[in-house]
Amino acid sequence: NVCDSPLDIATQLLLSNAKKLVLSDSEKNTLKNKWKLLTEKKSENAEVRAVALVPKDFPKDLVLAPLPDHVNDFTWYKKRKKRLGIKPEHQHVGLSIIVTTFNRPAILSITLACLVNQKTHYPFEVIVTDDGSQEDLSPIIRQYENKLDIRYVRQKDNGFQASAARNMGLRLAKYDFIGLLDCDMAPN
């Protein structure tokens, strides 16, 4: 019975789609309906409260750098490109998704399966950066070679160095826009 399963809804559906879990059509529909109920709810509007722009105890003689012209952090980058006469290269617009992992092949596989089902109008690549796993994760990566633009890099296990693993992925990224994921960031 799907209700008694220790697995969450997304995992059950993913495993069923991968033919690793047998579900009847009615069980699949039940899970899909539950998933829809869980994901269609929108957050409630938070109460808006006035905030003092400058705290009362803020030093009067402190000079701060000017605020950016725009809320978009990339405005300065666009202005720089315009000033230097650099033409945009639209064929290179895409996203490099860096997934950091350590000894978690099953959950990594689920996260990669979710990325396979990602819908987008732009290309994206997935760079799995391994922070020195004892387990060989390359068979997991090979399962997705034909489904994703995916690369796998591993660093020696020198203790917890997730930031170094992420930086390794950043150096390999082919797109200007970066998304950072941990290996357990599949829905639900």
N, C-alpha and C. Protein backbone atom coordinates (compact mmCIF):
# COMPACT_ATOMS: atom_id res chain seq x y z
N ASN A 1 0.85 -1.18 0.00
CA ASN A 1 0.00 0.00 0.00
C ASN A 1 0.89 1.24 0.00
N VAL A 2 0.62 2.21 -0.88
CA VAL A 2 1.45 3.40 -0.99
C VAL A 2 1.40 4.26 0.26
N CYS A 3 0.29 4.23 0.98
CA CYS A 3 0.18 5.04 2.20
C CYS A 3 1.09 4.53 3.30
N ASP A 4 1.38 3.23 3.30
CA ASP A 4 2.21 2.63 4.34
C ASP A 4 3.70 2.68 4.00
N SER A 5 4.05 3.16 2.85
CA SER A 5 5.44 3.15 2.41
C SER A 5 6.28 4.12 3.24
N PRO A 6 7.52 3.72 3.60
CA PRO A 6 8.41 4.64 4.30
C PRO A 6 9.00 5.70 3.37
N LEU A 7 8.79 5.52 2.06
CA LEU A 7 9.32 6.46 1.07
C LEU A 7 8.36 7.63 0.87
N ASP A 8 8.91 8.80 0.59
CA ASP A 8 8.06 9.96 0.32
C ASP A 8 7.43 9.82 -1.07
N ILE A 9 6.48 10.69 -1.35
CA ILE A 9 5.71 10.61 -2.59
C ILE A 9 6.59 10.74 -3.83
N ALA A 10 7.48 11.74 -3.84
CA ALA A 10 8.33 11.96 -5.01
C ALA A 10 9.21 10.76 -5.27
N THR A 11 9.78 10.18 -4.23
CA THR A 11 10.66 9.02 -4.39
C THR A 11 9.88 7.83 -4.94
N GLN A 12 8.67 7.61 -4.44
CA GLN A 12 7.86 6.50 -4.95
C GLN A 12 7.57 6.68 -6.44
N LEU A 13 7.21 7.89 -6.84
CA LEU A 13 6.92 8.14 -8.26
C LEU A 13 8.17 7.99 -9.12
N LEU A 14 9.29 8.51 -8.64
CA LEU A 14 10.54 8.39 -9.40
C LEU A 14 10.95 6.93 -9.55
N LEU A 15 10.87 6.17 -8.47
CA LEU A 15 11.24 4.75 -8.54
C LEU A 15 10.28 3.98 -9.44
N SER A 16 9.01 4.34 -9.42
CA SER A 16 8.04 3.69 -10.30
C SER A 16 8.36 3.99 -11.76
N ASN A 17 8.69 5.25 -12.06
CA ASN A 17 9.04 5.62 -13.43
C ASN A 17 10.31 4.93 -13.90
N ALA A 18 11.22 4.66 -12.96
CA ALA A 18 12.47 3.97 -13.29
C ALA A 18 12.29 2.45 -13.27
N LYS A 19 11.06 1.98 -13.10
CA LYS A 19 10.74 0.55 -13.07
C LYS A 19 11.43 -0.18 -11.92
N LYS A 20 11.66 0.53 -10.81
CA LYS A 20 12.28 -0.09 -9.64
C LYS A 20 11.29 -0.27 -8.50
N LEU A 21 10.07 0.19 -8.71
CA LEU A 21 8.99 0.03 -7.74
C LEU A 21 7.71 -0.19 -8.53
N VAL A 22 7.01 -1.25 -8.21
CA VAL A 22 5.78 -1.58 -8.93
C VAL A 22 4.60 -0.91 -8.24
N LEU A 23 3.91 -0.06 -9.01
CA LEU A 23 2.70 0.61 -8.52
C LEU A 23 1.59 0.41 -9.54
N SER A 24 0.39 0.19 -9.05
CA SER A 24 -0.75 0.10 -9.97
C SER A 24 -1.08 1.50 -10.47
N ASP A 25 -1.90 1.57 -11.51
CA ASP A 25 -2.30 2.88 -12.05
C ASP A 25 -3.04 3.69 -11.00
N SER A 26 -3.89 3.03 -10.22
CA SER A 26 -4.64 3.77 -9.20
C SER A 26 -3.70 4.28 -8.10
N GLU A 27 -2.69 3.49 -7.74
CA GLU A 27 -1.72 3.95 -6.74
C GLU A 27 -0.93 5.15 -7.27
N LYS A 28 -0.53 5.07 -8.55
CA LYS A 28 0.18 6.21 -9.16
C LYS A 28 -0.69 7.46 -9.15
N ASN A 29 -1.95 7.30 -9.53
CA ASN A 29 -2.86 8.46 -9.56
C ASN A 29 -3.07 9.03 -8.17
N THR A 30 -3.18 8.16 -7.17
CA THR A 30 -3.31 8.62 -5.79
C THR A 30 -2.10 9.44 -5.39
N LEU A 31 -0.90 8.92 -5.70
CA LEU A 31 0.33 9.65 -5.36
C LEU A 31 0.42 10.98 -6.10
N LYS A 32 0.05 10.97 -7.38
CA LYS A 32 0.10 12.21 -8.17
C LYS A 32 -0.86 13.26 -7.59
N ASN A 33 -2.04 12.82 -7.18
CA ASN A 33 -3.01 13.76 -6.59
C ASN A 33 -2.51 14.31 -5.27
N LYS A 34 -1.90 13.45 -4.44
CA LYS A 34 -1.33 13.91 -3.17
C LYS A 34 -0.20 14.91 -3.43
N TRP A 35 0.63 14.60 -4.44
CA TRP A 35 1.75 15.50 -4.78
C TRP A 35 1.21 16.85 -5.22
N LYS A 36 0.15 16.84 -6.03
CA LYS A 36 -0.44 18.09 -6.50
C LYS A 36 -0.95 18.91 -5.33
N LEU A 37 -1.62 18.26 -4.37
CA LEU A 37 -2.12 18.98 -3.19
C LEU A 37 -0.98 19.58 -2.38
N LEU A 38 0.13 18.86 -2.27
CA LEU A 38 1.27 19.35 -1.50
C LEU A 38 1.96 20.53 -2.17
N THR A 39 1.99 20.52 -3.50
CA THR A 39 2.80 21.52 -4.20
C THR A 39 2.01 22.70 -4.74
N GLU A 40 0.68 22.62 -4.76
CA GLU A 40 -0.08 23.74 -5.34
C GLU A 40 -0.37 24.85 -4.34
N LYS A 41 -0.18 24.61 -3.05
CA LYS A 41 -0.46 25.63 -2.04
C LYS A 41 0.60 26.73 -2.11
N LYS A 42 0.14 27.95 -2.16
CA LYS A 42 1.05 29.09 -2.19
C LYS A 42 1.25 29.62 -0.78
N SER A 43 2.39 30.21 -0.55
CA SER A 43 2.67 30.79 0.76
C SER A 43 1.72 31.95 1.04
N GLU A 44 1.38 32.09 2.30
CA GLU A 44 0.52 33.21 2.69
C GLU A 44 1.35 34.48 2.71
N ASN A 45 0.68 35.60 2.45
CA ASN A 45 1.39 36.88 2.49
C ASN A 45 1.78 37.20 3.92
N ALA A 46 3.01 37.59 4.09
CA ALA A 46 3.50 37.94 5.42
C ALA A 46 3.05 39.36 5.77
N GLU A 47 2.95 39.62 7.05
CA GLU A 47 2.59 40.95 7.52
C GLU A 47 3.73 41.91 7.20
N VAL A 48 3.38 43.06 6.66
CA VAL A 48 4.38 44.06 6.32
C VAL A 48 4.49 45.03 7.49
N ARG A 49 5.71 45.17 8.00
CA ARG A 49 5.93 46.09 9.12
C ARG A 49 6.96 47.14 8.71
N ALA A 50 6.78 48.33 9.21
CA ALA A 50 7.74 49.39 8.92
C ALA A 50 9.06 49.09 9.63
N VAL A 51 10.15 49.38 8.95
CA VAL A 51 11.48 49.15 9.51
C VAL A 51 12.25 50.46 9.44
N ALA A 52 12.93 50.80 10.52
CA ALA A 52 13.75 52.01 10.52
C ALA A 52 14.88 51.83 9.52
N LEU A 53 15.07 52.80 8.62
CA LEU A 53 16.11 52.69 7.61
C LEU A 53 17.49 52.67 8.23
N VAL A 54 17.69 53.47 9.25
CA VAL A 54 18.99 53.52 9.92
C VAL A 54 18.74 53.35 11.42
N PRO A 55 19.37 52.35 12.04
CA PRO A 55 19.18 52.17 13.49
C PRO A 55 19.61 53.42 14.26
N LYS A 56 18.96 53.67 15.40
CA LYS A 56 19.26 54.86 16.21
C LYS A 56 20.69 54.88 16.71
N ASP A 57 21.26 53.70 16.98
CA ASP A 57 22.63 53.65 17.51
C ASP A 57 23.70 53.57 16.42
N PHE A 58 23.31 53.82 15.17
CA PHE A 58 24.26 53.74 14.06
C PHE A 58 25.23 54.92 14.13
N PRO A 59 26.54 54.69 13.96
CA PRO A 59 27.52 55.79 14.04
C PRO A 59 27.24 56.86 12.98
N LYS A 60 27.20 58.13 13.39
CA LYS A 60 26.87 59.23 12.48
C LYS A 60 28.00 59.53 11.50
N ASP A 61 29.24 59.21 11.86
CA ASP A 61 30.38 59.56 11.00
C ASP A 61 30.78 58.42 10.05
N LEU A 62 30.07 57.31 10.06
CA LEU A 62 30.40 56.17 9.21
C LEU A 62 29.89 56.42 7.79
N VAL A 63 30.75 56.27 6.79
CA VAL A 63 30.38 56.46 5.39
C VAL A 63 30.37 55.09 4.72
N LEU A 64 29.23 54.73 4.15
CA LEU A 64 29.09 53.45 3.47
C LEU A 64 29.19 53.63 1.96
N ALA A 65 29.53 52.55 1.28
CA ALA A 65 29.56 52.56 -0.18
C ALA A 65 28.15 52.79 -0.70
N PRO A 66 28.00 53.44 -1.85
CA PRO A 66 26.66 53.68 -2.38
C PRO A 66 25.95 52.37 -2.71
N LEU A 67 24.64 52.41 -2.59
CA LEU A 67 23.84 51.24 -2.95
C LEU A 67 23.85 51.06 -4.45
N PRO A 68 23.66 49.83 -4.92
CA PRO A 68 23.60 49.62 -6.37
C PRO A 68 22.42 50.38 -6.98
N ASP A 69 22.53 50.65 -8.29
CA ASP A 69 21.47 51.38 -8.98
C ASP A 69 20.17 50.59 -9.06
N HIS A 70 20.27 49.30 -8.95
CA HIS A 70 19.13 48.45 -9.23
C HIS A 70 19.18 47.25 -8.30
N VAL A 71 18.04 46.62 -8.08
CA VAL A 71 18.01 45.43 -7.23
C VAL A 71 18.68 44.23 -7.90
N ASN A 72 18.78 44.26 -9.22
CA ASN A 72 19.42 43.18 -9.95
C ASN A 72 20.94 43.32 -9.84
N ASP A 73 21.59 42.35 -9.24
CA ASP A 73 23.04 42.40 -9.05
C ASP A 73 23.82 42.42 -10.35
N PHE A 74 23.19 42.01 -11.46
CA PHE A 74 23.90 41.93 -12.72
C PHE A 74 23.81 43.22 -13.54
N THR A 75 23.16 44.25 -13.00
CA THR A 75 23.06 45.52 -13.72
C THR A 75 24.44 46.09 -13.99
N TRP A 76 25.32 46.05 -12.99
CA TRP A 76 26.68 46.57 -13.16
C TRP A 76 27.40 45.81 -14.27
N TYR A 77 27.13 44.52 -14.38
CA TYR A 77 27.79 43.68 -15.39
C TYR A 77 27.33 44.08 -16.79
N LYS A 78 26.03 44.34 -16.93
CA LYS A 78 25.50 44.78 -18.23
C LYS A 78 26.09 46.13 -18.62
N LYS A 79 26.17 47.06 -17.64
CA LYS A 79 26.75 48.38 -17.92
C LYS A 79 28.21 48.25 -18.34
N ARG A 80 28.95 47.38 -17.66
CA ARG A 80 30.37 47.17 -17.99
C ARG A 80 30.51 46.65 -19.42
N LYS A 81 29.67 45.66 -19.79
CA LYS A 81 29.72 45.10 -21.14
C LYS A 81 29.42 46.19 -22.18
N LYS A 82 28.43 47.03 -21.88
CA LYS A 82 28.06 48.10 -22.81
C LYS A 82 29.21 49.10 -22.94
N ARG A 83 29.80 49.48 -21.80
CA ARG A 83 30.91 50.44 -21.79
C ARG A 83 32.11 49.92 -22.58
N LEU A 84 32.39 48.61 -22.45
CA LEU A 84 33.54 48.02 -23.14
C LEU A 84 33.22 47.54 -24.55
N GLY A 85 31.95 47.66 -24.95
CA GLY A 85 31.57 47.25 -26.30
C GLY A 85 31.52 45.74 -26.48
N ILE A 86 31.30 45.00 -25.41
CA ILE A 86 31.23 43.54 -25.49
C ILE A 86 29.82 43.14 -25.90
N LYS A 87 29.70 42.42 -26.99
CA LYS A 87 28.40 41.98 -27.48
C LYS A 87 27.97 40.73 -26.71
N PRO A 88 26.69 40.64 -26.33
CA PRO A 88 26.23 39.45 -25.63
C PRO A 88 26.29 38.22 -26.52
N GLU A 89 26.66 37.11 -25.94
CA GLU A 89 26.73 35.84 -26.67
C GLU A 89 25.54 35.00 -26.24
N HIS A 90 24.42 35.19 -26.91
CA HIS A 90 23.18 34.53 -26.50
C HIS A 90 23.26 33.01 -26.62
N GLN A 91 24.13 32.50 -27.50
CA GLN A 91 24.22 31.06 -27.63
C GLN A 91 24.84 30.42 -26.39
N HIS A 92 25.44 31.21 -25.50
CA HIS A 92 26.06 30.66 -24.30
C HIS A 92 25.22 30.90 -23.04
N VAL A 93 23.99 31.37 -23.22
CA VAL A 93 23.13 31.57 -22.06
C VAL A 93 22.67 30.19 -21.59
N GLY A 94 22.92 29.90 -20.35
CA GLY A 94 22.53 28.61 -19.78
C GLY A 94 22.85 28.60 -18.31
N LEU A 95 22.72 27.46 -17.70
CA LEU A 95 22.93 27.32 -16.26
C LEU A 95 23.85 26.14 -15.98
N SER A 96 24.84 26.38 -15.15
CA SER A 96 25.70 25.30 -14.66
C SER A 96 25.22 24.96 -13.25
N ILE A 97 24.74 23.74 -13.08
CA ILE A 97 24.25 23.29 -11.77
C ILE A 97 25.33 22.43 -11.14
N ILE A 98 25.82 22.87 -9.99
CA ILE A 98 26.88 22.15 -9.29
C ILE A 98 26.24 21.40 -8.12
N VAL A 99 26.35 20.08 -8.15
CA VAL A 99 25.77 19.22 -7.11
C VAL A 99 26.92 18.63 -6.30
N THR A 100 27.01 19.03 -5.04
CA THR A 100 28.07 18.53 -4.17
C THR A 100 27.56 17.30 -3.41
N THR A 101 28.42 16.27 -3.34
CA THR A 101 27.99 15.02 -2.70
C THR A 101 29.13 14.39 -1.91
N PHE A 102 28.75 13.50 -1.00
CA PHE A 102 29.72 12.70 -0.24
C PHE A 102 29.01 11.45 0.26
N ASN A 103 29.39 10.29 -0.29
CA ASN A 103 28.88 8.98 0.17
C ASN A 103 27.35 8.87 0.19
N ARG A 104 26.66 9.41 -0.81
CA ARG A 104 25.19 9.32 -0.82
C ARG A 104 24.69 8.96 -2.21
N PRO A 105 25.03 7.76 -2.71
CA PRO A 105 24.65 7.42 -4.08
C PRO A 105 23.14 7.37 -4.33
N ALA A 106 22.38 6.84 -3.39
CA ALA A 106 20.93 6.69 -3.62
C ALA A 106 20.25 8.05 -3.74
N ILE A 107 20.51 8.95 -2.81
CA ILE A 107 19.86 10.26 -2.86
C ILE A 107 20.41 11.10 -4.02
N LEU A 108 21.68 10.91 -4.38
CA LEU A 108 22.24 11.60 -5.55
C LEU A 108 21.49 11.16 -6.80
N SER A 109 21.21 9.87 -6.91
CA SER A 109 20.48 9.36 -8.07
C SER A 109 19.09 9.98 -8.16
N ILE A 110 18.42 10.14 -7.03
CA ILE A 110 17.08 10.75 -7.03
C ILE A 110 17.17 12.22 -7.46
N THR A 111 18.15 12.94 -6.95
CA THR A 111 18.32 14.35 -7.33
C THR A 111 18.61 14.48 -8.82
N LEU A 112 19.46 13.60 -9.35
CA LEU A 112 19.76 13.63 -10.79
C LEU A 112 18.52 13.28 -11.61
N ALA A 113 17.71 12.34 -11.11
CA ALA A 113 16.47 12.00 -11.81
C ALA A 113 15.53 13.21 -11.87
N CYS A 114 15.49 13.98 -10.80
CA CYS A 114 14.68 15.20 -10.80
C CYS A 114 15.21 16.21 -11.81
N LEU A 115 16.53 16.31 -11.93
CA LEU A 115 17.12 17.24 -12.90
C LEU A 115 16.82 16.79 -14.33
N VAL A 116 16.74 15.49 -14.57
CA VAL A 116 16.37 14.99 -15.90
C VAL A 116 14.99 15.52 -16.27
N ASN A 117 14.10 15.60 -15.30
CA ASN A 117 12.73 16.04 -15.56
C ASN A 117 12.54 17.55 -15.48
N GLN A 118 13.62 18.29 -15.29
CA GLN A 118 13.55 19.75 -15.22
C GLN A 118 13.13 20.32 -16.58
N LYS A 119 12.15 21.20 -16.57
CA LYS A 119 11.69 21.82 -17.81
C LYS A 119 12.26 23.23 -17.89
N THR A 120 12.92 23.54 -19.00
CA THR A 120 13.53 24.85 -19.18
C THR A 120 13.68 25.15 -20.67
N HIS A 121 13.75 26.44 -20.99
CA HIS A 121 13.97 26.86 -22.38
C HIS A 121 15.45 27.05 -22.66
N TYR A 122 16.29 26.90 -21.64
CA TYR A 122 17.71 27.14 -21.79
C TYR A 122 18.50 25.87 -21.49
N PRO A 123 19.66 25.75 -22.09
CA PRO A 123 20.47 24.56 -21.79
C PRO A 123 21.03 24.64 -20.37
N PHE A 124 21.27 23.48 -19.79
CA PHE A 124 21.95 23.46 -18.50
C PHE A 124 22.86 22.24 -18.45
N GLU A 125 23.89 22.38 -17.66
CA GLU A 125 24.80 21.26 -17.43
C GLU A 125 24.77 20.93 -15.95
N VAL A 126 25.12 19.71 -15.62
CA VAL A 126 25.20 19.28 -14.23
C VAL A 126 26.63 18.84 -13.96
N ILE A 127 27.23 19.43 -12.93
CA ILE A 127 28.58 19.06 -12.53
C ILE A 127 28.47 18.46 -11.13
N VAL A 128 28.71 17.16 -11.01
CA VAL A 128 28.67 16.50 -9.70
C VAL A 128 30.08 16.57 -9.13
N THR A 129 30.21 17.24 -7.99
CA THR A 129 31.51 17.35 -7.34
C THR A 129 31.50 16.50 -6.08
N ASP A 130 32.42 15.57 -6.02
CA ASP A 130 32.49 14.59 -4.94
C ASP A 130 33.56 15.02 -3.94
N ASP A 131 33.15 15.19 -2.70
CA ASP A 131 34.07 15.61 -1.63
C ASP A 131 34.80 14.41 -1.01
N GLY A 132 35.27 13.48 -1.86
CA GLY A 132 36.10 12.37 -1.39
C GLY A 132 35.33 11.17 -0.90
N SER A 133 34.22 10.82 -1.55
CA SER A 133 33.43 9.66 -1.13
C SER A 133 34.26 8.39 -1.10
N GLN A 134 33.93 7.50 -0.15
CA GLN A 134 34.56 6.18 -0.11
C GLN A 134 33.92 5.27 -1.15
N GLU A 135 32.65 5.52 -1.45
CA GLU A 135 31.92 4.72 -2.43
C GLU A 135 32.21 5.25 -3.84
N ASP A 136 32.21 4.36 -4.81
CA ASP A 136 32.41 4.76 -6.20
C ASP A 136 31.08 5.26 -6.75
N LEU A 137 31.01 6.55 -7.05
CA LEU A 137 29.77 7.15 -7.54
C LEU A 137 29.69 7.17 -9.07
N SER A 138 30.76 6.75 -9.75
CA SER A 138 30.76 6.83 -11.21
C SER A 138 29.65 6.00 -11.86
N PRO A 139 29.25 4.82 -11.32
CA PRO A 139 28.12 4.12 -11.95
C PRO A 139 26.82 4.93 -11.92
N ILE A 140 26.61 5.70 -10.86
CA ILE A 140 25.42 6.55 -10.78
C ILE A 140 25.48 7.60 -11.89
N ILE A 141 26.64 8.22 -12.05
CA ILE A 141 26.81 9.27 -13.07
C ILE A 141 26.57 8.68 -14.46
N ARG A 142 27.11 7.48 -14.69
CA ARG A 142 26.96 6.85 -16.01
C ARG A 142 25.49 6.61 -16.37
N GLN A 143 24.64 6.38 -15.36
CA GLN A 143 23.22 6.17 -15.63
C GLN A 143 22.57 7.39 -16.27
N TYR A 144 23.16 8.56 -16.08
CA TYR A 144 22.55 9.81 -16.54
C TYR A 144 23.32 10.46 -17.70
N GLU A 145 24.37 9.79 -18.20
CA GLU A 145 25.17 10.38 -19.28
C GLU A 145 24.36 10.64 -20.54
N ASN A 146 23.39 9.80 -20.84
CA ASN A 146 22.59 9.98 -22.06
C ASN A 146 21.37 10.87 -21.83
N LYS A 147 21.14 11.25 -20.57
CA LYS A 147 19.95 12.05 -20.25
C LYS A 147 20.28 13.48 -19.87
N LEU A 148 21.51 13.71 -19.40
CA LEU A 148 21.93 15.03 -18.94
C LEU A 148 23.29 15.38 -19.53
N ASP A 149 23.55 16.67 -19.66
CA ASP A 149 24.91 17.14 -19.93
C ASP A 149 25.60 17.12 -18.56
N ILE A 150 26.29 16.04 -18.25
CA ILE A 150 26.78 15.81 -16.89
C ILE A 150 28.27 15.52 -16.87
N ARG A 151 28.93 16.06 -15.84
CA ARG A 151 30.34 15.76 -15.59
C ARG A 151 30.51 15.40 -14.12
N TYR A 152 31.53 14.61 -13.85
CA TYR A 152 31.80 14.16 -12.48
C TYR A 152 33.26 14.43 -12.15
N VAL A 153 33.48 15.12 -11.04
CA VAL A 153 34.85 15.36 -10.57
C VAL A 153 34.92 14.98 -9.10
N ARG A 154 36.06 14.48 -8.70
CA ARG A 154 36.23 14.00 -7.33
C ARG A 154 37.51 14.58 -6.76
N GLN A 155 37.45 14.98 -5.51
CA GLN A 155 38.66 15.41 -4.83
C GLN A 155 38.99 14.41 -3.73
N LYS A 156 40.23 14.39 -3.32
CA LYS A 156 40.69 13.49 -2.26
C LYS A 156 39.96 13.83 -0.96
N ASP A 157 39.69 12.81 -0.15
CA ASP A 157 39.01 13.02 1.13
C ASP A 157 39.98 13.60 2.14
N ASN A 158 39.86 14.90 2.37
CA ASN A 158 40.67 15.59 3.38
C ASN A 158 39.77 16.13 4.47
N GLY A 159 38.73 15.39 4.80
CA GLY A 159 37.76 15.89 5.76
C GLY A 159 36.69 16.69 5.03
N PHE A 160 35.81 17.32 5.79
CA PHE A 160 34.70 18.08 5.22
C PHE A 160 35.23 19.32 4.50
N GLN A 161 35.18 19.30 3.17
CA GLN A 161 35.63 20.43 2.36
C GLN A 161 34.64 20.67 1.22
N ALA A 162 33.38 20.79 1.59
CA ALA A 162 32.34 20.98 0.58
C ALA A 162 32.56 22.25 -0.23
N SER A 163 33.05 23.32 0.42
CA SER A 163 33.27 24.57 -0.32
C SER A 163 34.37 24.38 -1.36
N ALA A 164 35.40 23.61 -1.04
CA ALA A 164 36.46 23.34 -2.02
C ALA A 164 35.90 22.52 -3.18
N ALA A 165 35.01 21.57 -2.88
CA ALA A 165 34.38 20.78 -3.94
C ALA A 165 33.52 21.67 -4.83
N ARG A 166 32.77 22.60 -4.22
CA ARG A 166 31.95 23.53 -5.02
C ARG A 166 32.84 24.40 -5.90
N ASN A 167 33.93 24.90 -5.33
CA ASN A 167 34.85 25.74 -6.11
C ASN A 167 35.43 24.97 -7.29
N MET A 168 35.69 23.68 -7.09
CA MET A 168 36.18 22.85 -8.18
C MET A 168 35.13 22.81 -9.30
N GLY A 169 33.87 22.69 -8.93
CA GLY A 169 32.79 22.72 -9.91
C GLY A 169 32.68 24.06 -10.61
N LEU A 170 32.86 25.15 -9.85
CA LEU A 170 32.81 26.49 -10.45
C LEU A 170 33.88 26.65 -11.53
N ARG A 171 35.06 26.11 -11.28
CA ARG A 171 36.14 26.22 -12.27
C ARG A 171 35.81 25.47 -13.56
N LEU A 172 34.97 24.45 -13.47
CA LEU A 172 34.61 23.66 -14.65
C LEU A 172 33.37 24.18 -15.37
N ALA A 173 32.64 25.09 -14.75
CA ALA A 173 31.37 25.56 -15.31
C ALA A 173 31.56 26.23 -16.66
N LYS A 174 30.68 25.90 -17.60
CA LYS A 174 30.79 26.52 -18.93
C LYS A 174 29.80 27.67 -19.12
N TYR A 175 28.86 27.84 -18.19
CA TYR A 175 27.90 28.93 -18.29
C TYR A 175 28.16 29.98 -17.22
N ASP A 176 27.67 31.21 -17.48
CA ASP A 176 27.87 32.32 -16.55
C ASP A 176 26.97 32.22 -15.32
N PHE A 177 25.82 31.58 -15.48
CA PHE A 177 24.88 31.47 -14.36
C PHE A 177 25.09 30.13 -13.67
N ILE A 178 25.13 30.18 -12.33
CA ILE A 178 25.48 29.01 -11.53
C ILE A 178 24.35 28.70 -10.55
N GLY A 179 24.03 27.43 -10.41
CA GLY A 179 23.11 26.96 -9.37
C GLY A 179 23.84 25.96 -8.50
N LEU A 180 23.77 26.13 -7.18
CA LEU A 180 24.44 25.23 -6.25
C LEU A 180 23.39 24.36 -5.56
N LEU A 181 23.58 23.05 -5.63
CA LEU A 181 22.69 22.11 -4.96
C LEU A 181 23.51 21.16 -4.10
N ASP A 182 22.93 20.73 -3.00
CA ASP A 182 23.48 19.58 -2.29
C ASP A 182 22.82 18.36 -2.91
N CYS A 183 23.40 17.19 -2.68
CA CYS A 183 22.88 15.99 -3.35
C CYS A 183 21.51 15.57 -2.84
N ASP A 184 21.05 16.13 -1.73
CA ASP A 184 19.76 15.72 -1.17
C ASP A 184 18.67 16.77 -1.40
N MET A 185 18.76 17.50 -2.50
CA MET A 185 17.81 18.59 -2.73
C MET A 185 16.73 18.25 -3.75
N ALA A 186 16.36 16.97 -3.82
CA ALA A 186 15.21 16.59 -4.64
C ALA A 186 13.95 17.08 -3.94
N PRO A 187 12.85 17.29 -4.67
CA PRO A 187 11.63 17.75 -4.02
C PRO A 187 11.17 16.81 -2.92
N ASN A 188 10.65 17.40 -1.85
CA ASN A 188 10.05 16.67 -0.73
C ASN A 188 11.10 15.87 0.02
